[in-house]
């Protein structure tokens, strides 16, 4: 699997942030408090979810609806997984689709 693009609509301190990743090594860097750990937490939450403590720390600081998408390549397919996070796990919604054909993936 190779990550290709992240879009963070709102998550922690980040809002409307797009990050393109290239083949090979990608480095996320910046000053303290710039959101590096938040980017990593977003990736983790999209693929694995998070516990209650992490959820509270990851909700957008301005009260916006948390969510975004991850575009990745796996098994020769380009897949987009979109997510909207709620205040609890019951409020989370995830959807994945083949980015080229638009076919939903369960």
PDB file of N, CA and C in Angstrom:
ATOM      1  N   UNK A   1       0.840  -1.173   0.000  1.00  0.00           N
ATOM      2  CA  UNK A   1       0.000   0.000   0.000  1.00  0.00           C
ATOM      3  C   UNK A   1       0.889   1.241   0.000  1.00  0.00           C
ATOM      4  N   UNK A   2       0.482   2.231  -0.792  1.00  0.00           N
ATOM      5  CA  UNK A   2       1.214   3.492  -0.839  1.00  0.00           C
ATOM      6  C   UNK A   2       0.230   4.652  -0.702  1.00  0.00           C
ATOM      7  N   UNK A   3       0.438   5.480   0.296  1.00  0.00           N
ATOM      8  CA  UNK A   3      -0.382   6.683   0.444  1.00  0.00           C
ATOM      9  C   UNK A   3      -0.009   7.673  -0.648  1.00  0.00           C
ATOM     10  N   UNK A   4      -1.010   8.308  -1.251  1.00  0.00           N
ATOM     11  CA  UNK A   4      -0.758   9.263  -2.324  1.00  0.00           C
ATOM     12  C   UNK A   4      -1.172  10.690  -1.965  1.00  0.00           C
ATOM     13  N   UNK A   5      -2.283  10.809  -1.240  1.00  0.00           N
ATOM     14  CA  UNK A   5      -2.765  12.141  -0.901  1.00  0.00           C
ATOM     15  C   UNK A   5      -3.610  12.088   0.358  1.00  0.00           C
ATOM     16  N   UNK A   6      -3.495  13.116   1.178  1.00  0.00           N
ATOM     17  CA  UNK A   6      -4.329  13.287   2.361  1.00  0.00           C
ATOM     18  C   UNK A   6      -5.079  14.599   2.208  1.00  0.00           C
ATOM     19  N   UNK A   7      -6.330  14.597   2.589  1.00  0.00           N
ATOM     20  CA  UNK A   7      -7.063  15.855   2.705  1.00  0.00           C
ATOM     21  C   UNK A   7      -7.699  15.861   4.083  1.00  0.00           C
ATOM     22  N   UNK A   8      -7.308  16.818   4.880  1.00  0.00           N
ATOM     23  CA  UNK A   8      -7.855  16.964   6.221  1.00  0.00           C
ATOM     24  C   UNK A   8      -8.789  18.166   6.192  1.00  0.00           C
ATOM     25  N   UNK A   9     -10.094  17.877   6.174  1.00  0.00           N
ATOM     26  CA  UNK A   9     -11.080  18.962   6.180  1.00  0.00           C
ATOM     27  C   UNK A   9     -11.037  19.702   7.499  1.00  0.00           C
ATOM     28  N   UNK A  10     -11.046  18.950   8.579  1.00  0.00           N
ATOM     29  CA  UNK A  10     -10.915  19.493   9.933  1.00  0.00           C
ATOM     30  C   UNK A  10     -10.535  18.345  10.848  1.00  0.00           C
ATOM     31  N   UNK A  11      -9.468  18.538  11.608  1.00  0.00           N
ATOM     32  CA  UNK A  11      -9.000  17.512  12.531  1.00  0.00           C
ATOM     33  C   UNK A  11      -7.989  18.183  13.450  1.00  0.00           C
ATOM     34  N   UNK A  12      -8.254  18.179  14.762  1.00  0.00           N
ATOM     35  CA  UNK A  12      -7.351  18.870  15.683  1.00  0.00           C
ATOM     36  C   UNK A  12      -7.220  20.318  15.290  1.00  0.00           C
ATOM     37  N   UNK A  13      -5.992  20.796  15.189  1.00  0.00           N
ATOM     38  CA  UNK A  13      -5.759  22.195  14.820  1.00  0.00           C
ATOM     39  C   UNK A  13      -5.739  22.416  13.299  1.00  0.00           C
ATOM     40  N   UNK A  14      -5.776  21.328  12.515  1.00  0.00           N
ATOM     41  CA  UNK A  14      -5.666  21.452  11.067  1.00  0.00           C
ATOM     42  C   UNK A  14      -7.034  21.620  10.410  1.00  0.00           C
ATOM     43  N   UNK A  15      -7.084  22.460   9.401  1.00  0.00           N
ATOM     44  CA  UNK A  15      -8.319  22.697   8.664  1.00  0.00           C
ATOM     45  C   UNK A  15      -7.969  22.956   7.198  1.00  0.00           C
ATOM     46  N   UNK A  16      -8.708  22.262   6.316  1.00  0.00           N
ATOM     47  CA  UNK A  16      -8.537  22.428   4.868  1.00  0.00           C
ATOM     48  C   UNK A  16      -7.069  22.265   4.444  1.00  0.00           C
ATOM     49  N   UNK A  17      -6.481  21.141   4.870  1.00  0.00           N
ATOM     50  CA  UNK A  17      -5.066  20.862   4.603  1.00  0.00           C
ATOM     51  C   UNK A  17      -4.945  19.707   3.627  1.00  0.00           C
ATOM     52  N   UNK A  18      -4.256  19.926   2.509  1.00  0.00           N
ATOM     53  CA  UNK A  18      -4.020  18.873   1.521  1.00  0.00           C
ATOM     54  C   UNK A  18      -2.531  18.584   1.459  1.00  0.00           C
ATOM     55  N   UNK A  19      -2.192  17.297   1.505  1.00  0.00           N
ATOM     56  CA  UNK A  19      -0.796  16.871   1.458  1.00  0.00           C
ATOM     57  C   UNK A  19      -0.660  15.805   0.391  1.00  0.00           C
ATOM     58  N   UNK A  20       0.183  16.047  -0.605  1.00  0.00           N
ATOM     59  CA  UNK A  20       0.465  15.051  -1.636  1.00  0.00           C
ATOM     60  C   UNK A  20       1.748  14.326  -1.266  1.00  0.00           C
ATOM     61  N   UNK A  21       1.715  13.013  -1.393  1.00  0.00           N
ATOM     62  CA  UNK A  21       2.869  12.184  -1.078  1.00  0.00           C
ATOM     63  C   UNK A  21       3.393  11.553  -2.364  1.00  0.00           C
ATOM     64  N   UNK A  22       4.681  11.501  -2.492  1.00  0.00           N
ATOM     65  CA  UNK A  22       5.334  10.972  -3.691  1.00  0.00           C
ATOM     66  C   UNK A  22       5.900   9.590  -3.405  1.00  0.00           C
ATOM     67  N   UNK A  23       6.148   8.788  -4.453  1.00  0.00           N
ATOM     68  CA  UNK A  23       6.793   7.484  -4.237  1.00  0.00           C
ATOM     69  C   UNK A  23       8.143   7.673  -3.549  1.00  0.00           C
ATOM     70  N   UNK A  24       8.486   6.745  -2.685  1.00  0.00           N
ATOM     71  CA  UNK A  24       9.742   6.840  -1.943  1.00  0.00           C
ATOM     72  C   UNK A  24       9.503   7.408  -0.557  1.00  0.00           C
ATOM     73  N   UNK A  25      10.522   7.978   0.000  1.00  0.00           N
ATOM     74  CA  UNK A  25      10.482   8.506   1.357  1.00  0.00           C
ATOM     75  C   UNK A  25       9.858   9.899   1.374  1.00  0.00           C
ATOM     76  N   UNK A  26       8.873  10.099   2.234  1.00  0.00           N
ATOM     77  CA  UNK A  26       8.264  11.398   2.458  1.00  0.00           C
ATOM     78  C   UNK A  26       8.517  11.778   3.908  1.00  0.00           C
ATOM     79  N   UNK A  27       8.863  13.026   4.141  1.00  0.00           N
ATOM     80  CA  UNK A  27       9.176  13.505   5.481  1.00  0.00           C
ATOM     81  C   UNK A  27       8.188  14.599   5.853  1.00  0.00           C
ATOM     82  N   UNK A  28       7.566  14.450   7.011  1.00  0.00           N
ATOM     83  CA  UNK A  28       6.681  15.482   7.540  1.00  0.00           C
ATOM     84  C   UNK A  28       7.494  16.236   8.589  1.00  0.00           C
ATOM     85  N   UNK A  29       7.703  17.529   8.361  1.00  0.00           N
ATOM     86  CA  UNK A  29       8.504  18.300   9.291  1.00  0.00           C
ATOM     87  C   UNK A  29       7.876  19.671   9.502  1.00  0.00           C
ATOM     88  N   UNK A  30       8.275  20.302  10.566  1.00  0.00           N
ATOM     89  CA  UNK A  30       7.783  21.640  10.881  1.00  0.00           C
ATOM     90  C   UNK A  30       8.119  21.979  12.317  1.00  0.00           C
ATOM     91  N   UNK A  31       7.795  23.190  12.694  1.00  0.00           N
ATOM     92  CA  UNK A  31       8.068  23.649  14.051  1.00  0.00           C
ATOM     93  C   UNK A  31       7.139  22.962  15.039  1.00  0.00           C
ATOM     94  N   UNK A  32       7.503  23.019  16.309  1.00  0.00           N
ATOM     95  CA  UNK A  32       6.647  22.486  17.360  1.00  0.00           C
ATOM     96  C   UNK A  32       5.272  23.130  17.266  1.00  0.00           C
ATOM     97  N   UNK A  33       4.230  22.297  17.386  1.00  0.00           N
ATOM     98  CA  UNK A  33       2.872  22.812  17.360  1.00  0.00           C
ATOM     99  C   UNK A  33       2.321  23.082  15.972  1.00  0.00           C
ATOM    100  N   UNK A  34       3.052  22.669  14.925  1.00  0.00           N
ATOM    101  CA  UNK A  34       2.594  22.961  13.560  1.00  0.00           C
ATOM    102  C   UNK A  34       1.608  21.925  13.024  1.00  0.00           C
ATOM    103  N   UNK A  35       1.445  20.777  13.717  1.00  0.00           N
ATOM    104  CA  UNK A  35       0.457  19.781  13.301  1.00  0.00           C
ATOM    105  C   UNK A  35       1.020  18.475  12.780  1.00  0.00           C
ATOM    106  N   UNK A  36       2.311  18.236  12.943  1.00  0.00           N
ATOM    107  CA  UNK A  36       2.918  16.986  12.452  1.00  0.00           C
ATOM    108  C   UNK A  36       2.268  15.763  13.091  1.00  0.00           C
ATOM    109  N   UNK A  37       2.141  15.769  14.393  1.00  0.00           N
ATOM    110  CA  UNK A  37       1.523  14.636  15.093  1.00  0.00           C
ATOM    111  C   UNK A  37       0.050  14.517  14.739  1.00  0.00           C
ATOM    112  N   UNK A  38      -0.598  15.626  14.486  1.00  0.00           N
ATOM    113  CA  UNK A  38      -2.006  15.610  14.105  1.00  0.00           C
ATOM    114  C   UNK A  38      -2.182  14.930  12.751  1.00  0.00           C
ATOM    115  N   UNK A  39      -1.280  15.171  11.826  1.00  0.00           N
ATOM    116  CA  UNK A  39      -1.322  14.488  10.528  1.00  0.00           C
ATOM    117  C   UNK A  39      -1.209  12.982  10.724  1.00  0.00           C
ATOM    118  N   UNK A  40      -0.279  12.559  11.557  1.00  0.00           N
ATOM    119  CA  UNK A  40      -0.091  11.128  11.803  1.00  0.00           C
ATOM    120  C   UNK A  40      -1.312  10.528  12.509  1.00  0.00           C
ATOM    121  N   UNK A  41      -1.896  11.267  13.446  1.00  0.00           N
ATOM    122  CA  UNK A  41      -3.093  10.799  14.152  1.00  0.00           C
ATOM    123  C   UNK A  41      -4.265  10.663  13.184  1.00  0.00           C
ATOM    124  N   UNK A  42      -4.375  11.589  12.229  1.00  0.00           N
ATOM    125  CA  UNK A  42      -5.441  11.518  11.231  1.00  0.00           C
ATOM    126  C   UNK A  42      -5.315  10.236  10.400  1.00  0.00           C
ATOM    127  N   UNK A  43      -4.123   9.937   9.918  1.00  0.00           N
ATOM    128  CA  UNK A  43      -3.902   8.718   9.129  1.00  0.00           C
ATOM    129  C   UNK A  43      -4.283   7.488   9.952  1.00  0.00           C
ATOM    130  N   UNK A  44      -3.838   7.444  11.187  1.00  0.00           N
ATOM    131  CA  UNK A  44      -4.153   6.315  12.056  1.00  0.00           C
ATOM    132  C   UNK A  44      -5.666   6.190  12.255  1.00  0.00           C
ATOM    133  N   UNK A  45      -6.337   7.304  12.505  1.00  0.00           N
ATOM    134  CA  UNK A  45      -7.777   7.279  12.765  1.00  0.00           C
ATOM    135  C   UNK A  45      -8.567   6.823  11.542  1.00  0.00           C
ATOM    136  N   UNK A  46      -8.140   7.210  10.347  1.00  0.00           N
ATOM    137  CA  UNK A  46      -8.839   6.801   9.130  1.00  0.00           C
ATOM    138  C   UNK A  46      -8.789   5.283   8.976  1.00  0.00           C
ATOM    139  N   UNK A  47      -7.637   4.685   9.221  1.00  0.00           N
ATOM    140  CA  UNK A  47      -7.478   3.248   9.001  1.00  0.00           C
ATOM    141  C   UNK A  47      -7.840   2.380  10.208  1.00  0.00           C
ATOM    142  N   UNK A  48      -7.668   2.908  11.421  1.00  0.00           N
ATOM    143  CA  UNK A  48      -7.847   2.073  12.614  1.00  0.00           C
ATOM    144  C   UNK A  48      -8.814   2.635  13.650  1.00  0.00           C
ATOM    145  N   UNK A  49      -9.308   3.839  13.458  1.00  0.00           N
ATOM    146  CA  UNK A  49     -10.152   4.464  14.465  1.00  0.00           C
ATOM    147  C   UNK A  49      -9.302   4.938  15.630  1.00  0.00           C
ATOM    148  N   UNK A  50      -9.953   5.361  16.708  1.00  0.00           N
ATOM    149  CA  UNK A  50      -9.212   5.759  17.896  1.00  0.00           C
ATOM    150  C   UNK A  50     -10.061   5.580  19.145  1.00  0.00           C
ATOM    151  N   UNK A  51      -9.396   5.586  20.295  1.00  0.00           N
ATOM    152  CA  UNK A  51     -10.124   5.420  21.544  1.00  0.00           C
ATOM    153  C   UNK A  51     -10.694   6.764  21.994  1.00  0.00           C
ATOM    154  N   UNK A  52     -11.489   6.735  23.067  1.00  0.00           N
ATOM    155  CA  UNK A  52     -12.177   7.943  23.537  1.00  0.00           C
ATOM    156  C   UNK A  52     -11.223   9.077  23.863  1.00  0.00           C
ATOM    157  N   UNK A  53     -10.116   8.782  24.506  1.00  0.00           N
ATOM    158  CA  UNK A  53      -9.165   9.825  24.880  1.00  0.00           C
ATOM    159  C   UNK A  53      -8.593  10.496  23.640  1.00  0.00           C
ATOM    160  N   UNK A  54      -8.188   9.690  22.662  1.00  0.00           N
ATOM    161  CA  UNK A  54      -7.644  10.246  21.420  1.00  0.00           C
ATOM    162  C   UNK A  54      -8.697  11.064  20.679  1.00  0.00           C
ATOM    163  N   UNK A  55      -9.940  10.592  20.680  1.00  0.00           N
ATOM    164  CA  UNK A  55     -11.016  11.299  19.975  1.00  0.00           C
ATOM    165  C   UNK A  55     -11.163  12.718  20.516  1.00  0.00           C
ATOM    166  N   UNK A  56     -11.212  12.852  21.820  1.00  0.00           N
ATOM    167  CA  UNK A  56     -11.373  14.170  22.429  1.00  0.00           C
ATOM    168  C   UNK A  56     -10.254  15.124  22.055  1.00  0.00           C
ATOM    169  N   UNK A  57      -9.042  14.602  21.957  1.00  0.00           N
ATOM    170  CA  UNK A  57      -7.894  15.435  21.602  1.00  0.00           C
ATOM    171  C   UNK A  57      -7.856  15.779  20.118  1.00  0.00           C
ATOM    172  N   UNK A  58      -8.557  14.988  19.297  1.00  0.00           N
ATOM    173  CA  UNK A  58      -8.482  15.162  17.848  1.00  0.00           C
ATOM    174  C   UNK A  58      -9.639  15.964  17.257  1.00  0.00           C
ATOM    175  N   UNK A  59     -10.662  16.237  18.066  1.00  0.00           N
ATOM    176  CA  UNK A  59     -11.778  17.030  17.538  1.00  0.00           C
ATOM    177  C   UNK A  59     -11.273  18.423  17.178  1.00  0.00           C
ATOM    178  N   UNK A  60     -11.778  18.999  16.087  1.00  0.00           N
ATOM    179  CA  UNK A  60     -11.313  20.330  15.676  1.00  0.00           C
ATOM    180  C   UNK A  60     -11.477  21.363  16.778  1.00  0.00           C
ATOM    181  N   UNK A  61     -10.483  22.191  16.906  1.00  0.00           N
ATOM    182  CA  UNK A  61     -10.448  23.196  17.965  1.00  0.00           C
ATOM    183  C   UNK A  61     -11.543  24.236  17.793  1.00  0.00           C
ATOM    184  N   UNK A  62     -11.984  24.443  16.537  1.00  0.00           N
ATOM    185  CA  UNK A  62     -12.993  25.485  16.292  1.00  0.00           C
ATOM    186  C   UNK A  62     -14.417  24.929  16.261  1.00  0.00           C
ATOM    187  N   UNK A  63     -14.579  23.636  16.594  1.00  0.00           N
ATOM    188  CA  UNK A  63     -15.907  23.033  16.626  1.00  0.00           C
ATOM    189  C   UNK A  63     -16.408  22.541  15.276  1.00  0.00           C
ATOM    190  N   UNK A  64     -15.593  22.635  14.224  1.00  0.00           N
ATOM    191  CA  UNK A  64     -15.987  22.168  12.884  1.00  0.00           C
ATOM    192  C   UNK A  64     -16.209  20.655  12.892  1.00  0.00           C
ATOM    193  N   UNK A  65     -16.904  20.154  11.897  1.00  0.00           N
ATOM    194  CA  UNK A  65     -17.158  18.718  11.742  1.00  0.00           C
ATOM    195  C   UNK A  65     -15.857  18.049  11.280  1.00  0.00           C
ATOM    196  N   UNK A  66     -15.296  17.112  12.061  1.00  0.00           N
ATOM    197  CA  UNK A  66     -14.026  16.492  11.692  1.00  0.00           C
ATOM    198  C   UNK A  66     -14.175  15.476  10.559  1.00  0.00           C
ATOM    199  N   UNK A  67     -13.197  15.483   9.654  1.00  0.00           N
ATOM    200  CA  UNK A  67     -13.202  14.508   8.574  1.00  0.00           C
ATOM    201  C   UNK A  67     -12.201  14.844   7.493  1.00  0.00           C
ATOM    202  N   UNK A  68     -12.225  14.040   6.442  1.00  0.00           N
ATOM    203  CA  UNK A  68     -11.324  14.219   5.316  1.00  0.00           C
ATOM    204  C   UNK A  68     -11.242  12.938   4.515  1.00  0.00           C
ATOM    205  N   UNK A  69     -10.155  12.775   3.774  1.00  0.00           N
ATOM    206  CA  UNK A  69      -9.971  11.537   3.018  1.00  0.00           C
ATOM    207  C   UNK A  69      -8.501  11.196   2.872  1.00  0.00           C
ATOM    208  N   UNK A  70      -8.261   9.919   2.576  1.00  0.00           N
ATOM    209  CA  UNK A  70      -6.929   9.416   2.249  1.00  0.00           C
ATOM    210  C   UNK A  70      -7.042   8.720   0.901  1.00  0.00           C
ATOM    211  N   UNK A  71      -6.171   9.084  -0.018  1.00  0.00           N
ATOM    212  CA  UNK A  71      -6.080   8.436  -1.325  1.00  0.00           C
ATOM    213  C   UNK A  71      -4.837   7.559  -1.297  1.00  0.00           C
ATOM    214  N   UNK A  72      -5.025   6.275  -1.616  1.00  0.00           N
ATOM    215  CA  UNK A  72      -3.886   5.365  -1.584  1.00  0.00           C
ATOM    216  C   UNK A  72      -3.995   4.347  -2.701  1.00  0.00           C
ATOM    217  N   UNK A  73      -2.862   3.711  -2.994  1.00  0.00           N
ATOM    218  CA  UNK A  73      -2.803   2.669  -4.019  1.00  0.00           C
ATOM    219  C   UNK A  73      -2.580   1.336  -3.320  1.00  0.00           C
ATOM    220  N   UNK A  74      -3.366   0.349  -3.712  1.00  0.00           N
ATOM    221  CA  UNK A  74      -3.232  -0.989  -3.133  1.00  0.00           C
ATOM    222  C   UNK A  74      -3.687  -2.020  -4.151  1.00  0.00           C
ATOM    223  N   UNK A  75      -2.879  -3.028  -4.380  1.00  0.00           N
ATOM    224  CA  UNK A  75      -3.232  -4.093  -5.308  1.00  0.00           C
ATOM    225  C   UNK A  75      -3.509  -3.584  -6.719  1.00  0.00           C
ATOM    226  N   UNK A  76      -2.792  -2.551  -7.136  1.00  0.00           N
ATOM    227  CA  UNK A  76      -2.968  -2.007  -8.477  1.00  0.00           C
ATOM    228  C   UNK A  76      -4.173  -1.094  -8.618  1.00  0.00           C
ATOM    229  N   UNK A  77      -4.892  -0.828  -7.540  1.00  0.00           N
ATOM    230  CA  UNK A  77      -6.050   0.060  -7.573  1.00  0.00           C
ATOM    231  C   UNK A  77      -5.770   1.317  -6.770  1.00  0.00           C
ATOM    232  N   UNK A  78      -6.358   2.423  -7.218  1.00  0.00           N
ATOM    233  CA  UNK A  78      -6.286   3.673  -6.481  1.00  0.00           C
ATOM    234  C   UNK A  78      -7.600   3.804  -5.703  1.00  0.00           C
ATOM    235  N   UNK A  79      -7.499   3.859  -4.394  1.00  0.00           N
ATOM    236  CA  UNK A  79      -8.674   3.835  -3.528  1.00  0.00           C
ATOM    237  C   UNK A  79      -8.748   5.108  -2.695  1.00  0.00           C
ATOM    238  N   UNK A  80      -9.947   5.668  -2.619  1.00  0.00           N
ATOM    239  CA  UNK A  80     -10.164   6.826  -1.766  1.00  0.00           C
ATOM    240  C   UNK A  80     -11.061   6.412  -0.608  1.00  0.00           C
ATOM    241  N   UNK A  81     -10.566   6.621   0.601  1.00  0.00           N
ATOM    242  CA  UNK A  81     -11.354   6.370   1.803  1.00  0.00           C
ATOM    243  C   UNK A  81     -11.683   7.712   2.433  1.00  0.00           C
ATOM    244  N   UNK A  82     -12.970   8.003   2.508  1.00  0.00           N
ATOM    245  CA  UNK A  82     -13.452   9.244   3.114  1.00  0.00           C
ATOM    246  C   UNK A  82     -13.996   8.933   4.492  1.00  0.00           C
ATOM    247  N   UNK A  83     -13.848   9.887   5.386  1.00  0.00           N
ATOM    248  CA  UNK A  83     -14.299   9.673   6.759  1.00  0.00           C
ATOM    249  C   UNK A  83     -14.879  10.962   7.329  1.00  0.00           C
ATOM    250  N   UNK A  84     -15.922  10.775   8.120  1.00  0.00           N
ATOM    251  CA  UNK A  84     -16.472  11.856   8.938  1.00  0.00           C
ATOM    252  C   UNK A  84     -16.517  11.302  10.351  1.00  0.00           C
ATOM    253  N   UNK A  85     -15.925  12.024  11.287  1.00  0.00           N
ATOM    254  CA  UNK A  85     -15.883  11.576  12.666  1.00  0.00           C
ATOM    255  C   UNK A  85     -16.961  12.282  13.472  1.00  0.00           C
ATOM    256  N   UNK A  86     -17.602  11.513  14.346  1.00  0.00           N
ATOM    257  CA  UNK A  86     -18.580  12.080  15.261  1.00  0.00           C
ATOM    258  C   UNK A  86     -17.962  12.280  16.631  1.00  0.00           C
ATOM    259  N   UNK A  87     -18.783  12.719  17.568  1.00  0.00           N
ATOM    260  CA  UNK A  87     -18.297  12.898  18.936  1.00  0.00           C
ATOM    261  C   UNK A  87     -18.052  11.558  19.617  1.00  0.00           C
ATOM    262  N   UNK A  88     -18.704  10.498  19.103  1.00  0.00           N
ATOM    263  CA  UNK A  88     -18.481   9.138  19.582  1.00  0.00           C
ATOM    264  C   UNK A  88     -18.294   8.241  18.362  1.00  0.00           C
ATOM    265  N   UNK A  89     -17.859   7.015  18.581  1.00  0.00           N
ATOM    266  CA  UNK A  89     -17.643   6.073  17.481  1.00  0.00           C
ATOM    267  C   UNK A  89     -18.924   5.818  16.692  1.00  0.00           C
ATOM    268  N   UNK A  90     -20.082   5.873  17.357  1.00  0.00           N
ATOM    269  CA  UNK A  90     -21.353   5.661  16.657  1.00  0.00           C
ATOM    270  C   UNK A  90     -21.612   6.732  15.605  1.00  0.00           C
ATOM    271  N   UNK A  91     -21.022   7.890  15.764  1.00  0.00           N
ATOM    272  CA  UNK A  91     -21.217   8.980  14.818  1.00  0.00           C
ATOM    273  C   UNK A  91     -20.226   8.987  13.663  1.00  0.00           C
ATOM    274  N   UNK A  92     -19.299   8.032  13.644  1.00  0.00           N
ATOM    275  CA  UNK A  92     -18.304   7.961  12.571  1.00  0.00           C
ATOM    276  C   UNK A  92     -18.915   7.356  11.316  1.00  0.00           C
ATOM    277  N   UNK A  93     -18.484   7.835  10.162  1.00  0.00           N
ATOM    278  CA  UNK A  93     -18.885   7.201   8.902  1.00  0.00           C
ATOM    279  C   UNK A  93     -17.671   7.124   7.989  1.00  0.00           C
ATOM    280  N   UNK A  94     -17.522   5.960   7.358  1.00  0.00           N
ATOM    281  CA  UNK A  94     -16.402   5.686   6.461  1.00  0.00           C
ATOM    282  C   UNK A  94     -16.957   5.200   5.128  1.00  0.00           C
ATOM    283  N   UNK A  95     -16.332   5.595   4.042  1.00  0.00           N
ATOM    284  CA  UNK A  95     -16.688   5.035   2.743  1.00  0.00           C
ATOM    285  C   UNK A  95     -15.422   4.944   1.902  1.00  0.00           C
ATOM    286  N   UNK A  96     -15.334   3.875   1.123  1.00  0.00           N
ATOM    287  CA  UNK A  96     -14.186   3.667   0.242  1.00  0.00           C
ATOM    288  C   UNK A  96     -14.695   3.381  -1.155  1.00  0.00           C
ATOM    289  N   UNK A  97     -13.962   3.895  -2.141  1.00  0.00           N
ATOM    290  CA  UNK A  97     -14.319   3.686  -3.536  1.00  0.00           C
ATOM    291  C   UNK A  97     -13.084   3.636  -4.395  1.00  0.00           C
ATOM    292  N   UNK A  98     -13.184   2.900  -5.499  1.00  0.00           N
ATOM    293  CA  UNK A  98     -12.141   2.900  -6.516  1.00  0.00           C
ATOM    294  C   UNK A  98     -12.103   4.315  -7.080  1.00  0.00           C
ATOM    295  N   UNK A  99     -10.987   4.980  -7.001  1.00  0.00           N
ATOM    296  CA  UNK A  99     -10.909   6.384  -7.399  1.00  0.00           C
ATOM    297  C   UNK A  99     -11.073   6.579  -8.897  1.00  0.00           C
ATOM    298  N   UNK A 100     -10.812   5.579  -9.703  1.00  0.00           N
ATOM    299  CA  UNK A 100     -10.922   5.721 -11.147  1.00  0.00           C
ATOM    300  C   UNK A 100     -12.331   5.397 -11.652  1.00  0.00           C
ATOM    301  N   UNK A 101     -12.916   4.300 -11.148  1.00  0.00           N
ATOM    302  CA  UNK A 101     -14.234   3.889 -11.634  1.00  0.00           C
ATOM    303  C   UNK A 101     -15.377   4.455 -10.781  1.00  0.00           C
ATOM    304  N   UNK A 102     -15.085   4.817  -9.531  1.00  0.00           N
ATOM    305  CA  UNK A 102     -16.119   5.282  -8.639  1.00  0.00           C
ATOM    306  C   UNK A 102     -16.875   4.161  -7.952  1.00  0.00           C
ATOM    307  N   UNK A 103     -16.531   2.904  -8.247  1.00  0.00           N
ATOM    308  CA  UNK A 103     -17.210   1.759  -7.634  1.00  0.00           C
ATOM    309  C   UNK A 103     -16.930   1.728  -6.137  1.00  0.00           C
ATOM    310  N   UNK A 104     -17.988   1.545  -5.349  1.00  0.00           N
ATOM    311  CA  UNK A 104     -17.856   1.453  -3.900  1.00  0.00           C
ATOM    312  C   UNK A 104     -17.125   0.178  -3.524  1.00  0.00           C
ATOM    313  N   UNK A 105     -16.350   0.253  -2.453  1.00  0.00           N
ATOM    314  CA  UNK A 105     -15.620  -0.883  -1.928  1.00  0.00           C
ATOM    315  C   UNK A 105     -16.091  -1.083  -0.498  1.00  0.00           C
ATOM    316  N   UNK A 106     -16.485  -2.311  -0.165  1.00  0.00           N
ATOM    317  CA  UNK A 106     -16.957  -2.552   1.207  1.00  0.00           C
ATOM    318  C   UNK A 106     -15.856  -3.112   2.075  1.00  0.00           C
TER     319      UNK A 106
END
